[in-house]
Protein backbone atom coordinates (compact mmCIF):
# COMPACT_ATOMS: atom_id res chain seq x y z
CA ALA A 1 -17.27 132.22 -30.00
CA ALA A 2 -20.15 130.02 -28.82
CA LEU A 3 -22.69 132.74 -29.58
CA ALA A 4 -21.37 133.11 -33.13
CA ASN A 5 -21.62 129.36 -33.63
CA TYR A 6 -25.18 129.25 -32.28
CA ARG A 7 -26.21 132.16 -34.50
CA LYS A 8 -24.72 130.35 -37.50
CA LEU A 9 -26.59 127.16 -36.59
CA ALA A 10 -29.82 129.11 -36.04
CA VAL A 11 -30.08 129.77 -39.78
CA ASP A 12 -29.54 126.07 -40.51
CA SER A 13 -32.32 124.47 -42.58
CA ASP A 14 -32.85 121.71 -39.99
CA ASP A 15 -35.61 122.90 -37.65
CA MET A 16 -34.41 120.89 -34.63
CA ILE A 17 -30.83 122.17 -34.75
CA SER A 18 -32.00 125.70 -35.51
CA SER A 19 -34.40 125.73 -32.54
CA VAL A 20 -31.84 124.42 -30.06
CA ALA A 21 -29.23 126.90 -31.34
CA LYS A 22 -31.68 129.80 -30.91
CA LEU A 23 -32.49 128.75 -27.33
CA ARG A 24 -28.80 128.38 -26.43
CA ALA A 25 -28.00 131.75 -27.99
CA ALA A 26 -30.89 133.34 -26.08
CA TRP A 27 -29.52 132.03 -22.77
CA ILE A 28 -26.14 133.53 -23.62
CA ILE A 29 -27.46 137.01 -24.43
CA VAL A 30 -30.34 137.26 -21.93
CA GLU A 31 -28.33 139.05 -19.23
CA GLY A 32 -26.67 141.61 -21.48
CA ALA A 33 -29.10 142.28 -24.30
CA PRO A 34 -32.42 144.12 -24.21
CA LYS A 35 -35.49 141.92 -23.92
CA SER A 36 -36.51 142.94 -27.45
CA GLU A 37 -33.38 141.29 -28.86
CA VAL A 38 -34.09 138.09 -26.94
CA GLU A 39 -37.69 138.16 -28.19
CA SER A 40 -36.59 138.68 -31.79
CA LEU A 41 -34.40 135.60 -31.49
CA ILE A 42 -36.93 133.22 -29.89
CA GLY A 43 -40.25 135.10 -30.01
CA GLY A 44 -41.84 132.70 -32.48
CA MET A 45 -40.95 129.81 -30.22
CA THR A 46 -43.14 131.09 -27.36
CA ALA A 47 -46.36 130.25 -29.24
CA ASP A 48 -48.31 127.32 -27.79
CA SER A 49 -47.95 125.51 -31.12
CA SER A 50 -44.16 125.35 -30.71
CA PRO A 51 -42.72 122.26 -29.01
CA TRP A 52 -40.18 124.60 -27.40
CA HIS A 53 -42.67 127.12 -25.98
CA GLN A 54 -42.12 126.37 -22.27
CA VAL A 55 -38.34 126.69 -22.57
CA ALA A 56 -38.68 129.87 -24.64
CA ARG A 57 -41.17 131.32 -22.11
CA GLU A 58 -38.71 130.56 -19.30
CA ILE A 59 -36.03 132.58 -21.09
CA ILE A 60 -38.47 135.47 -21.66
CA ALA A 61 -39.47 135.34 -17.96
CA TYR A 62 -35.79 135.55 -17.02
CA ALA A 63 -35.37 138.51 -19.39
CA ASP A 64 -38.28 140.21 -17.57
CA TYR A 65 -36.67 139.47 -14.20
CA HIS A 66 -33.30 140.72 -15.38
CA ASP A 67 -34.87 143.93 -16.74
CA GLY A 68 -36.56 144.59 -13.37
CA ASN A 69 -40.08 143.67 -14.50
CA THR A 70 -40.49 141.24 -11.62
CA LYS A 71 -44.30 141.23 -11.59
CA GLN A 72 -44.39 139.98 -15.19
CA ALA A 73 -41.58 137.50 -14.50
CA LEU A 74 -43.35 136.20 -11.39
CA ALA A 75 -46.61 135.71 -13.31
CA GLU A 76 -44.81 133.80 -16.07
CA TYR A 77 -42.81 131.68 -13.63
CA ARG A 78 -45.99 130.83 -11.70
CA ALA A 79 -47.70 129.70 -14.91
CA LEU A 80 -44.69 127.62 -15.95
CA SER A 81 -44.37 125.99 -12.51
CA LYS A 82 -47.99 124.78 -12.79
CA ASP A 83 -47.79 123.69 -16.45
CA LEU A 84 -47.87 119.89 -16.29
CA LYS A 85 -46.82 119.67 -19.95
CA ALA A 86 -43.61 121.60 -19.26
CA PRO A 87 -40.40 119.61 -18.79
CA GLY A 88 -39.58 118.85 -15.16
CA GLY A 89 -36.48 121.05 -15.24
CA VAL A 90 -38.48 124.06 -16.44
CA ARG A 91 -41.14 123.48 -13.77
CA GLY A 92 -38.51 123.05 -11.04
CA ARG A 93 -36.53 126.17 -11.99
CA SER A 94 -39.74 128.15 -12.36
CA LEU A 95 -40.93 127.09 -8.91
CA ALA A 96 -37.53 128.05 -7.50
CA MET A 97 -37.85 131.51 -9.08
CA VAL A 98 -41.40 131.88 -7.71
CA THR A 99 -40.08 131.06 -4.24
CA PHE A 100 -37.14 133.42 -4.67
CA LEU A 101 -39.23 136.34 -5.92
CA THR A 102 -42.02 135.94 -3.37
CA ALA A 103 -39.41 135.80 -0.59
CA GLY A 104 -38.11 139.21 -1.61
CA GLY A 105 -35.52 138.23 -4.19
CA ASP A 106 -36.52 141.21 -6.28
CA ARG A 107 -35.20 143.65 -3.67
CA ASN A 108 -31.62 144.81 -3.30
CA VAL A 109 -30.64 143.63 0.15
CA GLY A 110 -27.29 145.43 0.19
CA LYS A 111 -23.88 144.15 1.14
CA PRO A 112 -23.91 140.95 3.22
CA VAL A 113 -22.24 140.97 6.63
CA TYR A 114 -19.83 138.10 7.05
CA PRO A 115 -19.27 136.70 10.56
CA GLU A 116 -15.82 136.65 12.11
CA LEU A 117 -14.58 133.08 12.08
CA PRO A 118 -12.80 131.66 15.13
CA GLY A 119 -9.22 130.59 14.63
CA THR A 120 -8.37 133.05 11.86
CA LEU A 121 -4.96 134.67 11.86
CA THR A 122 -4.72 138.16 13.32
CA ALA A 123 -1.98 139.24 10.95
CA VAL A 124 -0.86 137.95 7.61
CA PRO A 125 2.89 138.22 7.01
CA LYS A 126 3.94 140.25 4.01
CA PRO A 127 5.33 138.28 1.07
CA GLY A 128 9.07 137.82 1.47
CA ALA A 129 9.04 138.76 5.17
CA PRO A 130 10.81 136.32 7.50
CA THR A 131 8.41 134.13 9.44
CA SER A 132 9.13 133.11 12.97
CA GLY A 133 6.43 130.44 13.19
CA ASN A 134 4.77 132.37 16.02
CA ALA A 135 1.49 133.25 14.22
CA THR A 136 -1.27 133.62 16.75
CA ALA A 137 -4.91 132.94 16.24
CA ALA A 138 -7.53 135.59 16.79
CA PRO A 139 -9.69 135.11 19.87
CA ALA A 140 -12.82 133.09 19.21
CA ALA A 141 -15.98 135.08 18.57
CA ASN A 142 -17.80 132.99 21.19
CA SER A 143 -15.86 133.01 24.45
CA GLY A 144 -18.18 130.43 26.02
CA SER A 145 -17.15 126.94 27.03
CA ALA A 146 -17.18 125.50 23.50
CA THR A 147 -13.99 123.85 22.35
CA PRO A 148 -12.43 124.81 19.01
CA ALA A 149 -13.64 121.50 17.55
CA GLN A 150 -17.21 122.33 18.62
CA ASN A 151 -16.89 125.71 16.91
CA GLY A 152 -15.94 123.98 13.66
CA ALA A 153 -12.21 124.75 13.82
CA ALA A 154 -9.33 122.45 14.63
CA PRO A 155 -7.20 123.48 17.59
CA ALA A 156 -3.95 125.16 16.60
CA ALA A 157 -0.72 123.28 17.34
CA PRO A 158 1.87 125.13 19.41
CA ALA A 159 4.70 126.65 17.36
CA ASN A 160 7.30 124.37 19.00
CA ALA A 161 5.31 121.13 18.58
CA THR A 162 6.85 118.22 16.73
CA PRO A 163 5.02 116.99 13.64
CA SER A 164 2.52 114.22 14.23
CA THR A 165 3.37 110.80 12.88
CA SER A 166 -0.15 109.41 13.12
CA ASN A 167 -0.49 109.32 9.34
CA THR A 168 2.73 107.37 8.81
CA ALA A 169 3.14 103.60 8.85
CA PRO A 170 4.03 102.01 12.19
CA PRO A 171 7.64 100.92 12.62
CA ALA A 172 8.47 97.46 11.29
CA THR A 173 8.56 94.67 13.86
CA ASN A 174 10.36 91.36 13.83
CA ALA A 175 7.12 89.42 14.30
CA LYS A 176 6.44 86.71 11.74
CA SER A 177 3.74 87.49 9.21
CA THR A 178 0.69 85.24 9.00
CA ALA A 179 0.21 86.09 5.32
CA PRO A 180 0.91 83.25 2.87
CA ALA A 181 4.30 83.35 1.26
CA GLN A 182 4.44 84.67 -2.28
CA THR A 183 6.70 83.11 -4.84
CA LYS A 184 8.43 85.04 -7.58
CA GLY A 185 6.06 85.73 -10.47
CA SER A 186 2.89 84.69 -8.64
CA ALA A 187 0.00 87.07 -8.20
CA PRO A 188 -1.29 87.96 -4.72
CA LYS A 189 -4.38 86.03 -3.65
């Protein structure tokens, strides 16, 4: 729906609204459309005479990156990150992409390996199965002398422990209050 609205606004006679609508539409389609379609939408805006050229060049650089043309994307991002006339956001994002690509962000690194977290349950009861309250925690990945709190996990309470009342108000006492008396209808001071 947003893309249709942006495309409708892109043909508006007002140049400012039309330009912004084209840029927003380009960001929407850049990951799913061929680079040629993105260029046909904002290609005229990449000229140095356009006030939008840095933003349009950023979108084209992203289209290059998304299409696998990382050398071209890296060159464009480097130029944008050094362009002192570019908006700060464009320079910052471009520098981030330069860092990402030079650090190997263009390579497929495969499936990440997630560490086993201490204190996770060994078995998850099936929905509707009776629970006995005797769920046990998996042994910690580090069997050193670190306490559960040092490993980033809170210690598990025993199954037969009574609930803590530390978060409840203390019992009322018969001691006299030192707070000034409040009369009916008066506001607290």
